[in-house]
Structure formats: C-alpha cells, structure tokens
C-alpha cells in the first residue's frame, strides 16, 4: 500500500501533459471551458499509466486524486452534489 501511495503521489498529475500550456500557465482565473479541459487530466493520466505494465494498482490514485470523501471533486462527482 505504501508503494501504491508513493508512486500514485508521484504520478497523479501526469495527465497534465495533455493540457495546453496556455491553460496550465494562465495567471488569472480559468474560464468554465478551460477548467473543463483541465479536469480531463485525471482521466488522461489514468490512460497513460494504464499503458505501463505493472502499474495497474496505481490507476485509482491517478484517476481519482481530485475526488473528495463528501462527493465533491472530479471526475466522478456524486450525482447528488452536481449542480443543476
């Protein structure tokens, strides 16, 4: 479990490689559309890690690192917490 957490912590943002630099480096607040693009980094990171043999146990750390215990976060926000 310590290995999974350590490696997951190192790789959790690897999906940001697929986010345009103008969004990652934007000094001001992101627009709604920009934030939607940024949120894809968790799923993209999981796809990247899934392609590496022996890293299957790290996938959940990468994919779900922005989710919270109360149902908020992304990519799998609890449907009860989503705004209409």
PDB file of N, CA and C in Angstrom:
ATOM      1  N   UNK A   1       0.820  -1.178   0.000  1.00  0.00           N
ATOM      2  CA  UNK A   1       0.000   0.000   0.000  1.00  0.00           C
ATOM      3  C   UNK A   1       0.879   1.263   0.000  1.00  0.00           C
ATOM      4  N   UNK A   2       1.981   1.223   0.718  1.00  0.00           N
ATOM      5  CA  UNK A   2       2.875   2.394   0.724  1.00  0.00           C
ATOM      6  C   UNK A   2       3.443   2.652  -0.663  1.00  0.00           C
ATOM      7  N   UNK A   3       3.775   1.586  -1.383  1.00  0.00           N
ATOM      8  CA  UNK A   3       4.288   1.742  -2.743  1.00  0.00           C
ATOM      9  C   UNK A   3       3.238   2.387  -3.635  1.00  0.00           C
ATOM     10  N   UNK A   4       2.002   1.914  -3.547  1.00  0.00           N
ATOM     11  CA  UNK A   4       0.917   2.458  -4.363  1.00  0.00           C
ATOM     12  C   UNK A   4       0.747   3.946  -4.076  1.00  0.00           C
ATOM     13  N   UNK A   5       0.727   4.329  -2.823  1.00  0.00           N
ATOM     14  CA  UNK A   5       0.558   5.738  -2.463  1.00  0.00           C
ATOM     15  C   UNK A   5       1.755   6.585  -2.892  1.00  0.00           C
ATOM     16  N   UNK A   6       2.951   6.035  -2.722  1.00  0.00           N
ATOM     17  CA  UNK A   6       4.149   6.789  -3.112  1.00  0.00           C
ATOM     18  C   UNK A   6       4.184   7.018  -4.620  1.00  0.00           C
ATOM     19  N   UNK A   7       4.008   5.963  -5.390  1.00  0.00           N
ATOM     20  CA  UNK A   7       4.054   6.085  -6.849  1.00  0.00           C
ATOM     21  C   UNK A   7       2.843   6.870  -7.357  1.00  0.00           C
ATOM     22  N   UNK A   8       1.678   6.635  -6.762  1.00  0.00           N
ATOM     23  CA  UNK A   8       0.492   7.402  -7.136  1.00  0.00           C
ATOM     24  C   UNK A   8       0.679   8.884  -6.889  1.00  0.00           C
ATOM     25  N   UNK A   9       1.328   9.227  -5.782  1.00  0.00           N
ATOM     26  CA  UNK A   9       1.617  10.629  -5.491  1.00  0.00           C
ATOM     27  C   UNK A   9       2.568  11.241  -6.497  1.00  0.00           C
ATOM     28  N   UNK A  10       3.517  10.470  -6.944  1.00  0.00           N
ATOM     29  CA  UNK A  10       4.467  10.974  -7.946  1.00  0.00           C
ATOM     30  C   UNK A  10       3.817  11.160  -9.316  1.00  0.00           C
ATOM     31  N   UNK A  11       2.883  10.280  -9.651  1.00  0.00           N
ATOM     32  CA  UNK A  11       2.306  10.272 -10.996  1.00  0.00           C
ATOM     33  C   UNK A  11       0.928  10.915 -11.098  1.00  0.00           C
ATOM     34  N   UNK A  12       0.375  11.403 -10.003  1.00  0.00           N
ATOM     35  CA  UNK A  12      -1.022  11.836 -10.020  1.00  0.00           C
ATOM     36  C   UNK A  12      -1.337  12.900 -11.064  1.00  0.00           C
ATOM     37  N   UNK A  13      -0.414  13.761 -11.421  1.00  0.00           N
ATOM     38  CA  UNK A  13      -0.673  14.821 -12.393  1.00  0.00           C
ATOM     39  C   UNK A  13      -0.046  14.567 -13.758  1.00  0.00           C
ATOM     40  N   UNK A  14       0.338  13.336 -14.052  1.00  0.00           N
ATOM     41  CA  UNK A  14       0.981  13.035 -15.330  1.00  0.00           C
ATOM     42  C   UNK A  14       0.077  13.396 -16.509  1.00  0.00           C
ATOM     43  N   UNK A  15      -1.216  13.372 -16.334  1.00  0.00           N
ATOM     44  CA  UNK A  15      -2.144  13.710 -17.410  1.00  0.00           C
ATOM     45  C   UNK A  15      -2.116  15.165 -17.818  1.00  0.00           C
ATOM     46  N   UNK A  16      -1.509  16.016 -17.006  1.00  0.00           N
ATOM     47  CA  UNK A  16      -1.406  17.429 -17.382  1.00  0.00           C
ATOM     48  C   UNK A  16      -0.539  17.625 -18.615  1.00  0.00           C
ATOM     49  N   UNK A  17       0.178  16.587 -19.020  1.00  0.00           N
ATOM     50  CA  UNK A  17       0.958  16.675 -20.252  1.00  0.00           C
ATOM     51  C   UNK A  17       0.042  16.917 -21.453  1.00  0.00           C
ATOM     52  N   UNK A  18      -1.227  16.550 -21.333  1.00  0.00           N
ATOM     53  CA  UNK A  18      -2.187  16.739 -22.411  1.00  0.00           C
ATOM     54  C   UNK A  18      -3.001  18.015 -22.314  1.00  0.00           C
ATOM     55  N   UNK A  19      -2.699  18.860 -21.325  1.00  0.00           N
ATOM     56  CA  UNK A  19      -3.409  20.139 -21.159  1.00  0.00           C
ATOM     57  C   UNK A  19      -2.560  21.233 -21.789  1.00  0.00           C
ATOM     58  N   UNK A  20      -3.164  22.075 -22.620  1.00  0.00           N
ATOM     59  CA  UNK A  20      -2.388  23.142 -23.264  1.00  0.00           C
ATOM     60  C   UNK A  20      -1.684  24.052 -22.250  1.00  0.00           C
ATOM     61  N   UNK A  21      -0.471  24.468 -22.593  1.00  0.00           N
ATOM     62  CA  UNK A  21       0.319  25.327 -21.712  1.00  0.00           C
ATOM     63  C   UNK A  21      -0.389  26.624 -21.367  1.00  0.00           C
ATOM     64  N   UNK A  22      -1.164  27.180 -22.305  1.00  0.00           N
ATOM     65  CA  UNK A  22      -1.829  28.447 -22.012  1.00  0.00           C
ATOM     66  C   UNK A  22      -2.869  28.305 -20.906  1.00  0.00           C
ATOM     67  N   UNK A  23      -3.361  27.101 -20.696  1.00  0.00           N
ATOM     68  CA  UNK A  23      -4.271  26.857 -19.574  1.00  0.00           C
ATOM     69  C   UNK A  23      -3.472  26.592 -18.304  1.00  0.00           C
ATOM     70  N   UNK A  24      -2.460  25.742 -18.393  1.00  0.00           N
ATOM     71  CA  UNK A  24      -1.658  25.414 -17.209  1.00  0.00           C
ATOM     72  C   UNK A  24      -0.943  26.633 -16.629  1.00  0.00           C
ATOM     73  N   UNK A  25      -0.503  27.526 -17.486  1.00  0.00           N
ATOM     74  CA  UNK A  25       0.288  28.683 -17.042  1.00  0.00           C
ATOM     75  C   UNK A  25      -0.511  29.973 -16.937  1.00  0.00           C
ATOM     76  N   UNK A  26      -1.801  29.904 -17.133  1.00  0.00           N
ATOM     77  CA  UNK A  26      -2.630  31.106 -17.094  1.00  0.00           C
ATOM     78  C   UNK A  26      -2.568  31.723 -15.698  1.00  0.00           C
ATOM     79  N   UNK A  27      -2.174  32.984 -15.603  1.00  0.00           N
ATOM     80  CA  UNK A  27      -2.018  33.608 -14.285  1.00  0.00           C
ATOM     81  C   UNK A  27      -3.343  34.023 -13.644  1.00  0.00           C
ATOM     82  N   UNK A  28      -4.396  34.139 -14.440  1.00  0.00           N
ATOM     83  CA  UNK A  28      -5.686  34.545 -13.897  1.00  0.00           C
ATOM     84  C   UNK A  28      -6.618  33.333 -13.792  1.00  0.00           C
ATOM     85  N   UNK A  29      -7.810  33.586 -13.303  1.00  0.00           N
ATOM     86  CA  UNK A  29      -8.795  32.524 -13.115  1.00  0.00           C
ATOM     87  C   UNK A  29      -9.160  31.890 -14.461  1.00  0.00           C
ATOM     88  N   UNK A  30      -9.322  30.567 -14.442  1.00  0.00           N
ATOM     89  CA  UNK A  30      -9.707  29.846 -15.650  1.00  0.00           C
ATOM     90  C   UNK A  30     -11.181  30.079 -15.951  1.00  0.00           C
ATOM     91  N   UNK A  31     -11.513  30.087 -17.240  1.00  0.00           N
ATOM     92  CA  UNK A  31     -12.912  30.135 -17.631  1.00  0.00           C
ATOM     93  C   UNK A  31     -13.525  28.771 -17.371  1.00  0.00           C
ATOM     94  N   UNK A  32     -14.843  28.692 -17.486  1.00  0.00           N
ATOM     95  CA  UNK A  32     -15.521  27.408 -17.308  1.00  0.00           C
ATOM     96  C   UNK A  32     -14.972  26.375 -18.300  1.00  0.00           C
ATOM     97  N   UNK A  33     -14.868  26.767 -19.570  1.00  0.00           N
ATOM     98  CA  UNK A  33     -14.378  25.842 -20.598  1.00  0.00           C
ATOM     99  C   UNK A  33     -12.939  25.409 -20.344  1.00  0.00           C
ATOM    100  N   UNK A  34     -12.096  26.341 -19.916  1.00  0.00           N
ATOM    101  CA  UNK A  34     -10.699  26.000 -19.606  1.00  0.00           C
ATOM    102  C   UNK A  34     -10.631  25.017 -18.444  1.00  0.00           C
ATOM    103  N   UNK A  35     -11.463  25.234 -17.433  1.00  0.00           N
ATOM    104  CA  UNK A  35     -11.462  24.332 -16.288  1.00  0.00           C
ATOM    105  C   UNK A  35     -11.949  22.940 -16.684  1.00  0.00           C
ATOM    106  N   UNK A  36     -12.922  22.868 -17.576  1.00  0.00           N
ATOM    107  CA  UNK A  36     -13.389  21.573 -18.070  1.00  0.00           C
ATOM    108  C   UNK A  36     -12.266  20.830 -18.778  1.00  0.00           C
ATOM    109  N   UNK A  37     -11.458  21.546 -19.539  1.00  0.00           N
ATOM    110  CA  UNK A  37     -10.305  20.929 -20.207  1.00  0.00           C
ATOM    111  C   UNK A  37      -9.301  20.440 -19.168  1.00  0.00           C
ATOM    112  N   UNK A  38      -9.015  21.270 -18.171  1.00  0.00           N
ATOM    113  CA  UNK A  38      -8.063  20.903 -17.118  1.00  0.00           C
ATOM    114  C   UNK A  38      -8.524  19.663 -16.364  1.00  0.00           C
ATOM    115  N   UNK A  39      -9.815  19.555 -16.106  1.00  0.00           N
ATOM    116  CA  UNK A  39     -10.330  18.418 -15.346  1.00  0.00           C
ATOM    117  C   UNK A  39     -10.100  17.088 -16.051  1.00  0.00           C
ATOM    118  N   UNK A  40      -9.896  17.117 -17.349  1.00  0.00           N
ATOM    119  CA  UNK A  40      -9.640  15.877 -18.081  1.00  0.00           C
ATOM    120  C   UNK A  40      -8.286  15.261 -17.751  1.00  0.00           C
ATOM    121  N   UNK A  41      -7.421  15.990 -17.056  1.00  0.00           N
ATOM    122  CA  UNK A  41      -6.080  15.460 -16.803  1.00  0.00           C
ATOM    123  C   UNK A  41      -6.096  14.204 -15.937  1.00  0.00           C
ATOM    124  N   UNK A  42      -7.083  14.044 -15.082  1.00  0.00           N
ATOM    125  CA  UNK A  42      -7.130  12.841 -14.239  1.00  0.00           C
ATOM    126  C   UNK A  42      -7.398  11.593 -15.084  1.00  0.00           C
ATOM    127  N   UNK A  43      -8.354  11.686 -15.986  1.00  0.00           N
ATOM    128  CA  UNK A  43      -8.653  10.550 -16.869  1.00  0.00           C
ATOM    129  C   UNK A  43      -7.508  10.299 -17.849  1.00  0.00           C
ATOM    130  N   UNK A  44      -6.946  11.354 -18.400  1.00  0.00           N
ATOM    131  CA  UNK A  44      -5.820  11.199 -19.321  1.00  0.00           C
ATOM    132  C   UNK A  44      -4.632  10.550 -18.606  1.00  0.00           C
ATOM    133  N   UNK A  45      -4.365  10.974 -17.389  1.00  0.00           N
ATOM    134  CA  UNK A  45      -3.282  10.375 -16.609  1.00  0.00           C
ATOM    135  C   UNK A  45      -3.498   8.895 -16.382  1.00  0.00           C
ATOM    136  N   UNK A  46      -4.744   8.516 -16.098  1.00  0.00           N
ATOM    137  CA  UNK A  46      -5.048   7.098 -15.902  1.00  0.00           C
ATOM    138  C   UNK A  46      -4.817   6.310 -17.192  1.00  0.00           C
ATOM    139  N   UNK A  47      -5.150   6.897 -18.330  1.00  0.00           N
ATOM    140  CA  UNK A  47      -4.891   6.224 -19.607  1.00  0.00           C
ATOM    141  C   UNK A  47      -3.393   6.028 -19.839  1.00  0.00           C
ATOM    142  N   UNK A  48      -2.623   7.031 -19.485  1.00  0.00           N
ATOM    143  CA  UNK A  48      -1.167   6.941 -19.649  1.00  0.00           C
ATOM    144  C   UNK A  48      -0.602   5.845 -18.753  1.00  0.00           C
ATOM    145  N   UNK A  49      -0.979   5.865 -17.485  1.00  0.00           N
ATOM    146  CA  UNK A  49      -0.466   4.885 -16.523  1.00  0.00           C
ATOM    147  C   UNK A  49      -0.934   3.475 -16.882  1.00  0.00           C
ATOM    148  N   UNK A  50      -2.144   3.354 -17.417  1.00  0.00           N
ATOM    149  CA  UNK A  50      -2.668   2.040 -17.802  1.00  0.00           C
ATOM    150  C   UNK A  50      -1.825   1.392 -18.894  1.00  0.00           C
ATOM    151  N   UNK A  51      -1.122   2.197 -19.655  1.00  0.00           N
ATOM    152  CA  UNK A  51      -0.277   1.668 -20.711  1.00  0.00           C
ATOM    153  C   UNK A  51       1.079   1.174 -20.250  1.00  0.00           C
ATOM    154  N   UNK A  52       1.349   1.273 -18.962  1.00  0.00           N
ATOM    155  CA  UNK A  52       2.640   0.843 -18.417  1.00  0.00           C
ATOM    156  C   UNK A  52       2.438  -0.480 -17.663  1.00  0.00           C
ATOM    157  N   UNK A  53       3.055  -1.551 -18.115  1.00  0.00           N
ATOM    158  CA  UNK A  53       2.898  -2.839 -17.435  1.00  0.00           C
ATOM    159  C   UNK A  53       3.315  -2.747 -15.960  1.00  0.00           C
ATOM    160  N   UNK A  54       2.524  -3.384 -15.108  1.00  0.00           N
ATOM    161  CA  UNK A  54       2.839  -3.431 -13.692  1.00  0.00           C
ATOM    162  C   UNK A  54       2.340  -2.242 -12.891  1.00  0.00           C
ATOM    163  N   UNK A  55       1.608  -1.331 -13.526  1.00  0.00           N
ATOM    164  CA  UNK A  55       1.139  -0.128 -12.829  1.00  0.00           C
ATOM    165  C   UNK A  55      -0.373  -0.149 -12.588  1.00  0.00           C
ATOM    166  N   UNK A  56      -1.003  -1.282 -12.776  1.00  0.00           N
ATOM    167  CA  UNK A  56      -2.455  -1.373 -12.638  1.00  0.00           C
ATOM    168  C   UNK A  56      -2.948  -0.905 -11.263  1.00  0.00           C
ATOM    169  N   UNK A  57      -2.169  -1.184 -10.230  1.00  0.00           N
ATOM    170  CA  UNK A  57      -2.593  -0.810  -8.881  1.00  0.00           C
ATOM    171  C   UNK A  57      -2.479   0.694  -8.613  1.00  0.00           C
ATOM    172  N   UNK A  58      -1.883   1.452  -9.506  1.00  0.00           N
ATOM    173  CA  UNK A  58      -1.710   2.892  -9.350  1.00  0.00           C
ATOM    174  C   UNK A  58      -2.863   3.667  -9.999  1.00  0.00           C
ATOM    175  N   UNK A  59      -3.604   3.016 -10.875  1.00  0.00           N
ATOM    176  CA  UNK A  59      -4.635   3.693 -11.666  1.00  0.00           C
ATOM    177  C   UNK A  59      -5.636   4.481 -10.831  1.00  0.00           C
ATOM    178  N   UNK A  60      -6.149   3.898  -9.765  1.00  0.00           N
ATOM    179  CA  UNK A  60      -7.145   4.602  -8.957  1.00  0.00           C
ATOM    180  C   UNK A  60      -6.576   5.870  -8.328  1.00  0.00           C
ATOM    181  N   UNK A  61      -5.327   5.835  -7.916  1.00  0.00           N
ATOM    182  CA  UNK A  61      -4.699   7.031  -7.349  1.00  0.00           C
ATOM    183  C   UNK A  61      -4.662   8.164  -8.366  1.00  0.00           C
ATOM    184  N   UNK A  62      -4.321   7.823  -9.583  1.00  0.00           N
ATOM    185  CA  UNK A  62      -4.198   8.830 -10.638  1.00  0.00           C
ATOM    186  C   UNK A  62      -5.578   9.326 -11.070  1.00  0.00           C
ATOM    187  N   UNK A  63      -6.488   8.414 -11.312  1.00  0.00           N
ATOM    188  CA  UNK A  63      -7.808   8.771 -11.830  1.00  0.00           C
ATOM    189  C   UNK A  63      -8.646   9.550 -10.815  1.00  0.00           C
ATOM    190  N   UNK A  64      -8.527   9.249  -9.553  1.00  0.00           N
ATOM    191  CA  UNK A  64      -9.446   9.803  -8.557  1.00  0.00           C
ATOM    192  C   UNK A  64      -8.811  10.803  -7.592  1.00  0.00           C
ATOM    193  N   UNK A  65      -7.660  11.348  -7.910  1.00  0.00           N
ATOM    194  CA  UNK A  65      -6.965  12.198  -6.938  1.00  0.00           C
ATOM    195  C   UNK A  65      -7.637  13.541  -6.676  1.00  0.00           C
ATOM    196  N   UNK A  66      -8.643  13.918  -7.443  1.00  0.00           N
ATOM    197  CA  UNK A  66      -9.379  15.154  -7.178  1.00  0.00           C
ATOM    198  C   UNK A  66     -10.769  14.901  -6.600  1.00  0.00           C
ATOM    199  N   UNK A  67     -11.055  13.678  -6.216  1.00  0.00           N
ATOM    200  CA  UNK A  67     -12.345  13.368  -5.609  1.00  0.00           C
ATOM    201  C   UNK A  67     -12.230  13.487  -4.091  1.00  0.00           C
ATOM    202  N   UNK A  68     -13.348  13.837  -3.478  1.00  0.00           N
ATOM    203  CA  UNK A  68     -13.360  14.053  -2.035  1.00  0.00           C
ATOM    204  C   UNK A  68     -14.317  13.087  -1.348  1.00  0.00           C
ATOM    205  N   UNK A  69     -14.127  12.904  -0.083  1.00  0.00           N
ATOM    206  CA  UNK A  69     -14.941  11.988   0.709  1.00  0.00           C
ATOM    207  C   UNK A  69     -16.417  12.393   0.749  1.00  0.00           C
ATOM    208  N   UNK A  70     -16.723  13.689   0.537  1.00  0.00           N
ATOM    209  CA  UNK A  70     -18.094  14.181   0.635  1.00  0.00           C
ATOM    210  C   UNK A  70     -18.837  14.175  -0.709  1.00  0.00           C
ATOM    211  N   UNK A  71     -18.243  13.608  -1.748  1.00  0.00           N
ATOM    212  CA  UNK A  71     -18.907  13.508  -3.039  1.00  0.00           C
ATOM    213  C   UNK A  71     -18.557  14.612  -4.013  1.00  0.00           C
ATOM    214  N   UNK A  72     -17.830  15.613  -3.554  1.00  0.00           N
ATOM    215  CA  UNK A  72     -17.395  16.674  -4.452  1.00  0.00           C
ATOM    216  C   UNK A  72     -16.093  16.265  -5.134  1.00  0.00           C
ATOM    217  N   UNK A  73     -15.719  17.000  -6.148  1.00  0.00           N
ATOM    218  CA  UNK A  73     -14.484  16.726  -6.869  1.00  0.00           C
ATOM    219  C   UNK A  73     -14.768  16.206  -8.261  1.00  0.00           C
ATOM    220  N   UNK A  74     -13.751  15.688  -8.886  1.00  0.00           N
ATOM    221  CA  UNK A  74     -13.899  15.153 -10.246  1.00  0.00           C
ATOM    222  C   UNK A  74     -12.860  14.084 -10.471  1.00  0.00           C
ATOM    223  N   UNK A  75     -13.042  13.168 -11.411  1.00  0.00           N
ATOM    224  CA  UNK A  75     -14.058  13.126 -12.458  1.00  0.00           C
ATOM    225  C   UNK A  75     -15.374  12.482 -12.045  1.00  0.00           C
ATOM    226  N   UNK A  76     -15.461  11.781 -10.939  1.00  0.00           N
ATOM    227  CA  UNK A  76     -16.688  11.049 -10.585  1.00  0.00           C
ATOM    228  C   UNK A  76     -17.452  11.736  -9.467  1.00  0.00           C
ATOM    229  N   UNK A  77     -17.811  12.986  -9.673  1.00  0.00           N
ATOM    230  CA  UNK A  77     -18.584  13.717  -8.678  1.00  0.00           C
ATOM    231  C   UNK A  77     -19.899  12.999  -8.415  1.00  0.00           C
ATOM    232  N   UNK A  78     -20.248  12.880  -7.169  1.00  0.00           N
ATOM    233  CA  UNK A  78     -21.507  12.259  -6.786  1.00  0.00           C
ATOM    234  C   UNK A  78     -22.660  13.024  -7.437  1.00  0.00           C
ATOM    235  N   UNK A  79     -23.606  12.305  -8.035  1.00  0.00           N
ATOM    236  CA  UNK A  79     -24.714  12.963  -8.746  1.00  0.00           C
ATOM    237  C   UNK A  79     -25.537  13.849  -7.818  1.00  0.00           C
ATOM    238  N   UNK A  80     -25.595  13.544  -6.545  1.00  0.00           N
ATOM    239  CA  UNK A  80     -26.339  14.372  -5.598  1.00  0.00           C
ATOM    240  C   UNK A  80     -25.652  15.712  -5.365  1.00  0.00           C
ATOM    241  N   UNK A  81     -24.373  15.807  -5.675  1.00  0.00           N
ATOM    242  CA  UNK A  81     -23.607  17.016  -5.434  1.00  0.00           C
ATOM    243  C   UNK A  81     -23.490  17.910  -6.673  1.00  0.00           C
ATOM    244  N   UNK A  82     -23.867  17.376  -7.829  1.00  0.00           N
ATOM    245  CA  UNK A  82     -23.750  18.149  -9.072  1.00  0.00           C
ATOM    246  C   UNK A  82     -24.766  19.264  -9.091  1.00  0.00           C
ATOM    247  N   UNK A  83     -24.360  20.405  -9.573  1.00  0.00           N
ATOM    248  CA  UNK A  83     -25.321  21.500  -9.679  1.00  0.00           C
ATOM    249  C   UNK A  83     -26.184  21.304 -10.916  1.00  0.00           C
ATOM    250  N   UNK A  84     -27.449  21.727 -10.854  1.00  0.00           N
ATOM    251  CA  UNK A  84     -28.367  21.511 -11.969  1.00  0.00           C
ATOM    252  C   UNK A  84     -27.976  22.287 -13.209  1.00  0.00           C
TER     253      UNK A  84
END
